[in-house]
């Protein structure tokens, strides 16, 4: 996909709402969604509506047998429908919700990384950045290929739409997005020093070093050049840290895929998938915070 196509698709695509994360696939948020779904379903609201009409009839027209029966029946049927949906069909509704959230997450992630490859490639002309650009592009392709491999493997091992299937895919999607976010930070960090040309900095410092005595303006120039050099060194060190750290997270994604590939049909399948999913969640959390750290270098070059 070229840049113009990606821009057009982003412009035409409908809003997918707030970003979906792994928190939307587990725990309280899922339970809340199931409760809302069952409480607002037509099978719950319709009988309750009839029951409320019966209650209103009792209040307005005085309590008669017809209105009492209508009110009680509607409320009991409505409450019964909710209880059936929540306690009996709850797991099915939960799986449908998680599957829907996973699909939205996948679309959101695709939108967020649509232009990333071009952003990384444009950093190639920055002095000393080519190594990180090549590493970043390899990581981009590795993550994309690994997610396809994981998806194909899960389709063989688990039923699509199954709760475990959706949660593993969603967690892996979140990890992949965190890796891509680290690449995005790397690209923006490198782009920020595009104008900090090392030949200009080194030439200026060399010229100043040849002078026997520096004037006040020369001292200012030297300080600014040294600051520029420090900022450039910090940016390159940060790019290196992000690229190297991503290797660990990509390995974790591959390891999770390998572990899932070892699952055998039987009673241990769910347990094995849960273990792999928990490992993915821990790595995803670590990867998400990794990009917020930063390398700093003082003027003397000490980290």
Protein backbone atom coordinates (compact mmCIF):
# COMPACT_ATOMS: atom_id res chain seq x y z
CA UNK A 1 0.00 0.00 0.00
CA UNK A 2 1.51 3.37 -1.01
CA UNK A 3 1.28 6.53 1.03
CA UNK A 4 -1.56 8.12 -0.99
CA UNK A 5 -3.68 4.95 -0.74
CA UNK A 6 -3.11 4.74 3.01
CA UNK A 7 -4.06 8.39 3.47
CA UNK A 8 -7.21 7.92 1.39
CA UNK A 9 -8.27 4.86 3.37
CA UNK A 10 -7.69 6.64 6.68
CA UNK A 11 -9.76 9.61 5.48
CA UNK A 12 -12.65 7.49 4.22
CA UNK A 13 -12.70 5.00 7.13
CA UNK A 14 -15.42 5.58 9.74
CA UNK A 15 -14.40 6.41 13.29
CA UNK A 16 -13.82 3.25 15.31
CA UNK A 17 -14.20 4.99 18.67
CA UNK A 18 -11.71 5.06 21.55
CA UNK A 19 -8.68 2.73 21.32
CA UNK A 20 -9.34 -0.88 22.35
CA UNK A 21 -6.75 -2.42 24.69
CA UNK A 22 -6.34 -5.76 26.43
CA UNK A 23 -8.22 -4.28 29.41
CA UNK A 24 -11.34 -4.38 27.20
CA UNK A 25 -10.92 -8.13 26.72
CA UNK A 26 -10.65 -9.23 30.35
CA UNK A 27 -12.17 -8.68 33.77
CA UNK A 28 -14.57 -5.94 34.90
CA UNK A 29 -14.98 -4.22 31.55
CA UNK A 30 -16.18 -7.44 29.92
CA UNK A 31 -18.55 -8.22 32.80
CA UNK A 32 -19.94 -4.70 32.60
CA UNK A 33 -20.47 -5.05 28.84
CA UNK A 34 -22.29 -8.37 29.30
CA UNK A 35 -24.48 -6.86 32.03
CA UNK A 36 -25.34 -3.90 29.80
CA UNK A 37 -26.05 -6.15 26.82
CA UNK A 38 -28.39 -8.43 28.77
CA UNK A 39 -30.12 -5.60 30.63
CA UNK A 40 -30.87 -3.62 27.46
CA UNK A 41 -31.82 -6.52 25.20
CA UNK A 42 -35.30 -6.55 23.67
CA UNK A 43 -36.16 -9.80 25.45
CA UNK A 44 -35.60 -8.04 28.77
CA UNK A 45 -36.99 -4.59 28.02
CA UNK A 46 -40.21 -5.67 26.23
CA UNK A 47 -41.66 -7.70 29.13
CA UNK A 48 -40.51 -5.08 31.63
CA UNK A 49 -42.27 -2.43 29.55
CA UNK A 50 -45.49 -4.43 29.71
CA UNK A 51 -44.98 -4.84 33.44
CA UNK A 52 -44.55 -1.08 33.90
CA UNK A 53 -47.74 -0.49 31.95
CA UNK A 54 -49.47 -2.86 34.35
CA UNK A 55 -48.05 -0.99 37.34
CA UNK A 56 -49.17 2.32 35.85
CA UNK A 57 -52.64 0.86 35.30
CA UNK A 58 -52.81 -0.17 38.95
CA UNK A 59 -51.84 3.32 40.09
CA UNK A 60 -54.05 5.29 37.72
CA UNK A 61 -57.08 3.04 37.39
CA UNK A 62 -56.86 1.44 40.83
CA UNK A 63 -55.67 -2.12 41.39
CA UNK A 64 -57.75 -4.52 39.34
CA UNK A 65 -57.06 -8.13 38.54
CA UNK A 66 -56.09 -7.45 34.92
CA UNK A 67 -53.55 -4.71 35.71
CA UNK A 68 -52.06 -6.61 38.64
CA UNK A 69 -51.60 -9.74 36.54
CA UNK A 70 -50.15 -7.69 33.66
CA UNK A 71 -47.71 -5.87 35.94
CA UNK A 72 -46.52 -8.93 37.84
CA UNK A 73 -46.26 -11.10 34.75
CA UNK A 74 -44.30 -8.51 32.77
CA UNK A 75 -41.82 -7.87 35.57
CA UNK A 76 -41.33 -11.57 36.32
CA UNK A 77 -40.89 -12.48 32.65
CA UNK A 78 -38.50 -9.56 32.07
CA UNK A 79 -36.41 -10.42 35.12
CA UNK A 80 -36.43 -14.07 34.12
CA UNK A 81 -35.25 -13.28 30.60
CA UNK A 82 -32.43 -11.14 31.98
CA UNK A 83 -31.39 -13.88 34.43
CA UNK A 84 -31.42 -16.50 31.66
CA UNK A 85 -29.34 -14.33 29.32
CA UNK A 86 -26.86 -13.29 32.01
CA UNK A 87 -26.34 -16.54 33.88
CA UNK A 88 -27.02 -19.12 31.17
CA UNK A 89 -26.05 -17.37 27.94
CA UNK A 90 -23.51 -15.07 29.60
CA UNK A 91 -20.47 -16.95 28.36
CA UNK A 92 -21.76 -16.86 24.78
CA UNK A 93 -22.49 -13.13 24.96
CA UNK A 94 -19.06 -12.58 26.54
CA UNK A 95 -17.37 -14.44 23.69
CA UNK A 96 -19.31 -12.41 21.10
CA UNK A 97 -18.34 -9.15 22.83
CA UNK A 98 -14.64 -10.04 23.06
CA UNK A 99 -14.64 -11.18 19.43
CA UNK A 100 -16.19 -7.86 18.37
CA UNK A 101 -13.66 -5.87 20.45
CA UNK A 102 -10.81 -7.89 18.90
CA UNK A 103 -11.99 -7.07 15.38
CA UNK A 104 -12.24 -3.36 16.22
CA UNK A 105 -8.76 -3.49 17.77
CA UNK A 106 -7.42 -5.10 14.60
CA UNK A 107 -8.90 -2.32 12.44
CA UNK A 108 -7.59 0.38 14.77
CA UNK A 109 -4.12 -1.12 14.76
CA UNK A 110 -4.11 -1.30 10.97
CA UNK A 111 -4.96 2.40 10.80
CA UNK A 112 -2.26 3.34 13.30
CA UNK A 113 0.55 1.53 11.48
CA UNK A 114 -0.56 2.28 7.91
CA UNK A 115 2.05 5.02 7.40
CA UNK A 116 4.69 3.77 9.81
CA UNK A 117 6.84 1.94 7.27
CA UNK A 118 7.23 5.10 5.18
CA UNK A 119 8.03 7.11 8.32
CA UNK A 120 10.86 4.73 9.18
CA UNK A 121 12.17 4.67 5.61
CA UNK A 122 12.36 8.48 5.46
CA UNK A 123 14.90 8.40 8.30
CA UNK A 124 17.43 6.62 6.08
CA UNK A 125 18.99 9.91 4.91
CA UNK A 126 19.78 10.98 8.49
CA UNK A 127 23.50 10.48 9.19
CA UNK A 128 24.24 7.33 11.27
CA UNK A 129 20.56 6.30 11.28
CA UNK A 130 20.62 3.74 8.46
CA UNK A 131 21.44 0.85 10.82
CA UNK A 132 18.36 1.57 12.94
CA UNK A 133 16.19 2.08 9.87
CA UNK A 134 17.15 -1.34 8.49
CA UNK A 135 16.56 -2.97 11.88
CA UNK A 136 13.22 -1.20 12.29
CA UNK A 137 11.99 -2.25 8.85
CA UNK A 138 12.96 -5.87 9.52
CA UNK A 139 11.07 -5.73 12.81
CA UNK A 140 8.02 -4.23 11.09
CA UNK A 141 7.96 -7.10 8.58
CA UNK A 142 8.67 -9.72 11.26
CA UNK A 143 5.75 -8.59 13.42
CA UNK A 144 3.38 -8.57 10.45
CA UNK A 145 4.47 -12.07 9.38
CA UNK A 146 4.31 -13.42 12.94
CA UNK A 147 0.78 -12.12 13.48
CA UNK A 148 -0.33 -13.89 10.31
CA UNK A 149 1.33 -17.11 11.51
CA UNK A 150 -0.37 -16.79 14.91
CA UNK A 151 -3.77 -16.20 13.31
CA UNK A 152 -3.40 -19.23 11.04
CA UNK A 153 -2.26 -21.40 13.95
CA UNK A 154 -5.17 -20.38 16.16
CA UNK A 155 -7.62 -21.18 13.36
CA UNK A 156 -6.23 -24.72 13.37
CA UNK A 157 -6.20 -25.09 17.16
CA UNK A 158 -9.31 -23.19 18.28
CA UNK A 159 -12.67 -22.23 16.86
CA UNK A 160 -12.86 -18.69 15.52
CA UNK A 161 -15.11 -16.59 17.76
CA UNK A 162 -14.32 -18.75 20.77
CA UNK A 163 -13.52 -16.66 23.85
CA UNK A 164 -9.97 -17.99 24.24
CA UNK A 165 -9.29 -17.49 20.53
CA UNK A 166 -10.43 -13.87 20.60
CA UNK A 167 -8.50 -13.04 23.75
CA UNK A 168 -5.24 -14.51 22.48
CA UNK A 169 -5.61 -12.66 19.17
CA UNK A 170 -6.47 -9.43 20.99
CA UNK A 171 -3.53 -9.72 23.39
CA UNK A 172 -1.14 -10.50 20.53
CA UNK A 173 -2.55 -7.54 18.60
CA UNK A 174 -1.85 -5.29 21.58
CA UNK A 175 1.73 -6.58 21.83
CA UNK A 176 2.24 -6.07 18.09
CA UNK A 177 0.89 -2.53 18.38
CA UNK A 178 3.23 -1.78 21.30
CA UNK A 179 6.17 -2.98 19.22
CA UNK A 180 5.01 -0.75 16.36
CA UNK A 181 4.61 2.16 18.78
CA UNK A 182 8.25 1.70 19.81
CA UNK A 183 9.19 1.84 16.13
CA UNK A 184 7.12 5.00 15.75
CA UNK A 185 8.94 6.60 18.71
CA UNK A 186 12.24 5.52 17.18
CA UNK A 187 11.34 7.11 13.83
CA UNK A 188 10.19 10.39 15.40
CA UNK A 189 13.31 10.49 17.62
CA UNK A 190 15.55 10.12 14.58
CA UNK A 191 13.53 12.64 12.55
CA UNK A 192 13.98 15.20 15.33
CA UNK A 193 17.75 15.35 14.73
CA UNK A 194 17.59 15.59 10.95
CA UNK A 195 18.99 19.14 11.05
CA UNK A 196 21.72 18.29 13.58
CA UNK A 197 24.34 17.55 10.92
CA UNK A 198 27.41 15.88 12.48
CA UNK A 199 29.78 17.34 9.88
CA UNK A 200 28.57 20.86 10.69
CA UNK A 201 28.87 20.26 14.44
CA UNK A 202 32.32 18.67 14.22
CA UNK A 203 33.61 21.33 11.84
CA UNK A 204 32.45 24.11 14.16
CA UNK A 205 33.99 22.53 17.24
CA UNK A 206 37.23 21.86 15.39
CA UNK A 207 37.47 25.48 14.26
CA UNK A 208 36.92 26.69 17.80
CA UNK A 209 39.53 24.28 19.18
CA UNK A 210 42.17 25.87 16.97
CA UNK A 211 41.69 29.30 18.50
CA UNK A 212 44.04 30.24 21.31
CA UNK A 213 41.41 32.28 23.12
CA UNK A 214 37.65 32.21 22.76
CA UNK A 215 35.56 35.34 22.82
CA UNK A 216 32.22 35.51 24.64
CA UNK A 217 30.36 34.79 21.41
CA UNK A 218 32.73 31.91 20.68
CA UNK A 219 31.92 30.43 24.09
CA UNK A 220 28.21 30.65 23.27
CA UNK A 221 28.78 28.98 19.90
CA UNK A 222 30.82 26.19 21.52
CA UNK A 223 28.15 25.57 24.16
CA UNK A 224 25.38 25.40 21.56
CA UNK A 225 27.35 23.05 19.32
CA UNK A 226 28.09 20.77 22.27
CA UNK A 227 24.42 20.80 23.23
CA UNK A 228 23.48 19.93 19.66
CA UNK A 229 25.97 17.08 19.68
CA UNK A 230 24.60 15.80 22.99
CA UNK A 231 21.01 15.89 21.70
CA UNK A 232 22.07 13.99 18.61
CA UNK A 233 23.95 11.36 20.61
CA UNK A 234 20.96 10.93 22.93
CA UNK A 235 18.60 10.46 20.00
CA UNK A 236 20.83 7.82 18.41
CA UNK A 237 21.22 6.03 21.76
CA UNK A 238 17.44 6.09 22.23
CA UNK A 239 16.87 4.70 18.73
CA UNK A 240 19.33 1.91 19.49
CA UNK A 241 17.61 1.14 22.82
CA UNK A 242 14.16 0.95 21.23
CA UNK A 243 15.30 -1.21 18.34
CA UNK A 244 17.22 -3.61 20.59
CA UNK A 245 14.39 -3.81 23.12
CA UNK A 246 11.92 -4.69 20.39
CA UNK A 247 13.94 -7.82 19.61
CA UNK A 248 13.00 -9.20 23.05
CA UNK A 249 9.31 -8.49 22.50
CA UNK A 250 9.29 -10.02 19.01
CA UNK A 251 10.95 -13.13 20.45
CA UNK A 252 8.18 -13.29 23.08
CA UNK A 253 5.56 -13.11 20.32
CA UNK A 254 7.29 -15.95 18.47
CA UNK A 255 7.61 -17.97 21.71
CA UNK A 256 3.89 -17.61 22.40
CA UNK A 257 3.13 -18.83 18.88
CA UNK A 258 5.44 -21.82 19.33
CA UNK A 259 3.82 -22.68 22.69
CA UNK A 260 0.36 -22.50 21.15
CA UNK A 261 1.53 -24.70 18.31
CA UNK A 262 2.44 -27.41 20.85
CA UNK A 263 -1.11 -27.56 22.24
CA UNK A 264 -2.72 -30.95 21.81
CA UNK A 265 -6.44 -31.67 21.66
CA UNK A 266 -7.79 -32.61 25.05
CA UNK A 267 -8.35 -31.29 28.53
CA UNK A 268 -5.04 -29.42 28.75
CA UNK A 269 -5.69 -27.22 25.70
CA UNK A 270 -7.49 -24.49 27.63
CA UNK A 271 -4.87 -24.50 30.39
CA UNK A 272 -1.98 -24.28 27.93
CA UNK A 273 -3.64 -21.45 26.02
CA UNK A 274 -4.31 -19.58 29.28
CA UNK A 275 -0.63 -19.86 30.26
CA UNK A 276 0.47 -18.59 26.84
CA UNK A 277 -2.05 -15.76 27.06
CA UNK A 278 -0.85 -14.70 30.53
CA UNK A 279 2.74 -14.64 29.31
CA UNK A 280 1.68 -12.49 26.38
CA UNK A 281 -0.14 -10.08 28.69
CA UNK A 282 2.93 -9.66 30.92
CA UNK A 283 5.21 -9.02 27.93
CA UNK A 284 2.65 -6.62 26.44
CA UNK A 285 2.55 -4.57 29.64
CA UNK A 286 6.35 -4.41 29.74
CA UNK A 287 6.56 -3.46 26.07
CA UNK A 288 3.97 -0.70 26.48
CA UNK A 289 6.08 1.00 29.18
CA UNK A 290 9.42 0.38 27.48
CA UNK A 291 8.95 3.24 25.02
CA UNK A 292 8.35 5.70 27.88
CA UNK A 293 11.87 5.24 29.21
CA UNK A 294 14.64 7.33 27.77
CA UNK A 295 18.43 7.43 27.55
CA UNK A 296 20.15 10.64 28.63
CA UNK A 297 23.77 11.53 28.01
CA UNK A 298 25.68 14.34 29.64
CA UNK A 299 28.05 16.59 27.72
CA UNK A 300 30.96 14.40 28.74
CA UNK A 301 29.30 11.38 27.10
CA UNK A 302 28.39 9.46 30.28
CA UNK A 303 25.05 7.63 30.27
